[in-house]
Structures are given as structure tokens and as C-alpha cells.
Amino acid sequence: MLAYCTALKVPRAWLVYAQGGAGPVVRRIVNTDVSVVEYPLDLRAEPEDLLRQMDVLTDAAWLAAGRQPSPLDATGHTTGSEQTDRSHRPAADTEC
């Protein structure tokens, strides 16, 4: 992952784990400008909640890249801001 980030000049990568856990952790790679976000998903969750987890993940990635999140949900339908629960969004600029 570090090689891809270095070659593409990407400062942040997202490593998605298929397990529940304490939440996202940002790891700053020593002697580089690269950070890796360890992002766990709870696969024991109901499908709707798993899609919500993915929505939170993609929104966090867009925000970390300095862009606005997509107005589409995981099924490709437009959403209103009141429909999206953002209470579990990780801090986009937290560094270790």
C-alpha cells in the first residue's frame, strides 16, 4: 500500500478490515507523508447497517480528500442529508 501511495503521490490510504472493532485508526508512516487509515467493518451487522457503515467510510474518505461526499447512497439513489446518520463518522484529520 505504501508503494502505491508513494508512486501515485497519494497522502492517505484506507485499509478496510472485515471485522468489528473499536473504530478507525490513522497510522502515520514514519519518514513519509503517507497515512493509512485502518477501518474495521462489522460484518455481523444487518445488511442495512453494513451499507450505512460503507456510507460513513466513503464520506470520510471524500472529506479527507477535501471533497464533498456523494449525494448518492450505496444503492445509487439520491439521499437527503436528514436520511444519512453521520454520528459514527471518524475524524478525517486525526493523526497518530
Protein backbone atom coordinates (compact mmCIF):
# COMPACT_ATOMS: atom_id res chain seq x y z
CA MET A 1 0.00 0.00 0.00
CA LEU A 2 2.86 2.36 0.83
CA ALA A 3 4.39 1.73 -2.60
CA TYR A 4 1.12 2.65 -4.35
CA CYS A 5 0.70 5.79 -2.25
CA THR A 6 4.27 6.83 -2.92
CA ALA A 7 4.09 6.16 -6.67
CA LEU A 8 0.73 7.89 -7.06
CA LYS A 9 1.58 10.71 -4.61
CA VAL A 10 -1.47 9.88 -2.51
CA PRO A 11 -1.15 11.04 1.12
CA ARG A 12 -3.81 8.76 2.62
CA ALA A 13 -4.84 5.14 2.08
CA TRP A 14 -7.77 3.22 3.52
CA LEU A 15 -7.28 -0.35 4.72
CA VAL A 16 -10.70 -1.92 5.30
CA TYR A 17 -10.85 -4.83 7.74
CA ALA A 18 -13.72 -7.31 7.67
CA GLN A 19 -14.17 -7.32 11.42
CA GLY A 20 -15.84 -5.24 14.06
CA GLY A 21 -13.64 -3.22 16.31
CA ALA A 22 -13.01 -0.08 18.23
CA GLY A 23 -13.23 2.12 15.16
CA PRO A 24 -10.95 3.72 12.60
CA VAL A 25 -7.31 4.34 13.50
CA VAL A 26 -4.98 6.54 11.47
CA ARG A 27 -1.39 5.32 11.27
CA ARG A 28 1.21 7.81 10.11
CA ILE A 29 4.01 6.06 8.21
CA VAL A 30 7.38 7.16 9.59
CA ASN A 31 9.64 9.20 7.27
CA THR A 32 6.87 9.64 4.68
CA ASP A 33 3.91 11.91 4.02
CA VAL A 34 1.58 8.87 3.96
CA SER A 35 -1.08 7.94 6.50
CA VAL A 36 -3.01 4.66 6.47
CA VAL A 37 -6.50 4.54 7.94
CA GLU A 38 -7.33 1.15 9.43
CA TYR A 39 -11.10 0.96 9.02
CA PRO A 40 -12.98 -2.03 10.51
CA LEU A 41 -16.41 -3.12 9.30
CA ASP A 42 -18.77 -5.17 11.44
CA LEU A 43 -19.86 -7.98 9.12
CA ARG A 44 -22.17 -9.37 11.81
CA ALA A 45 -24.38 -6.33 11.28
CA GLU A 46 -27.64 -6.43 9.35
CA PRO A 47 -27.24 -5.64 5.62
CA GLU A 48 -28.79 -2.19 6.02
CA ASP A 49 -26.34 -1.32 8.80
CA LEU A 50 -23.41 -2.67 6.77
CA LEU A 51 -24.42 -0.35 3.93
CA ARG A 52 -24.56 2.52 6.43
CA GLN A 53 -21.05 1.63 7.60
CA MET A 54 -19.86 1.78 3.98
CA ASP A 55 -21.60 5.13 3.53
CA VAL A 56 -19.78 6.53 6.56
CA LEU A 57 -16.48 5.14 5.23
CA THR A 58 -16.90 6.67 1.78
CA ASP A 59 -17.99 10.02 3.21
CA ALA A 60 -14.93 10.06 5.49
CA ALA A 61 -12.64 9.24 2.55
CA TRP A 62 -14.14 12.02 0.41
CA LEU A 63 -13.86 14.52 3.26
CA ALA A 64 -10.26 13.51 3.96
CA ALA A 65 -9.51 14.15 0.28
CA GLY A 66 -11.02 17.62 0.60
CA ARG A 67 -14.09 16.81 -1.47
CA GLN A 68 -17.80 16.73 -0.77
CA PRO A 69 -19.40 13.30 -0.18
CA SER A 70 -21.53 11.90 -2.97
CA PRO A 71 -25.26 12.67 -2.74
CA LEU A 72 -25.96 9.00 -3.62
CA ASP A 73 -26.46 6.19 -1.17
CA ALA A 74 -24.98 2.70 -1.58
CA THR A 75 -27.84 1.69 -3.89
CA GLY A 76 -27.27 4.65 -6.22
CA HIS A 77 -30.33 6.59 -5.04
CA THR A 78 -30.16 10.22 -4.02
CA THR A 79 -30.40 10.87 -0.31
CA GLY A 80 -31.42 13.82 1.76
CA SER A 81 -28.97 14.94 4.42
CA GLU A 82 -31.53 14.08 7.09
CA GLN A 83 -31.51 10.43 5.95
CA THR A 84 -27.81 9.84 6.49
CA ASP A 85 -26.64 9.12 10.03
CA ARG A 86 -23.21 10.68 10.34
CA SER A 87 -22.84 10.25 14.10
CA HIS A 88 -20.25 7.46 13.66
CA ARG A 89 -18.05 9.29 11.16
CA PRO A 90 -14.38 9.19 12.16
CA ALA A 91 -12.43 12.41 12.44
CA ALA A 92 -10.95 12.96 8.99
CA ASP A 93 -7.71 14.59 10.12
CA THR A 94 -6.80 12.58 13.20
CA GLU A 95 -3.16 11.52 13.12
CA CYS A 96 -1.26 9.08 15.35
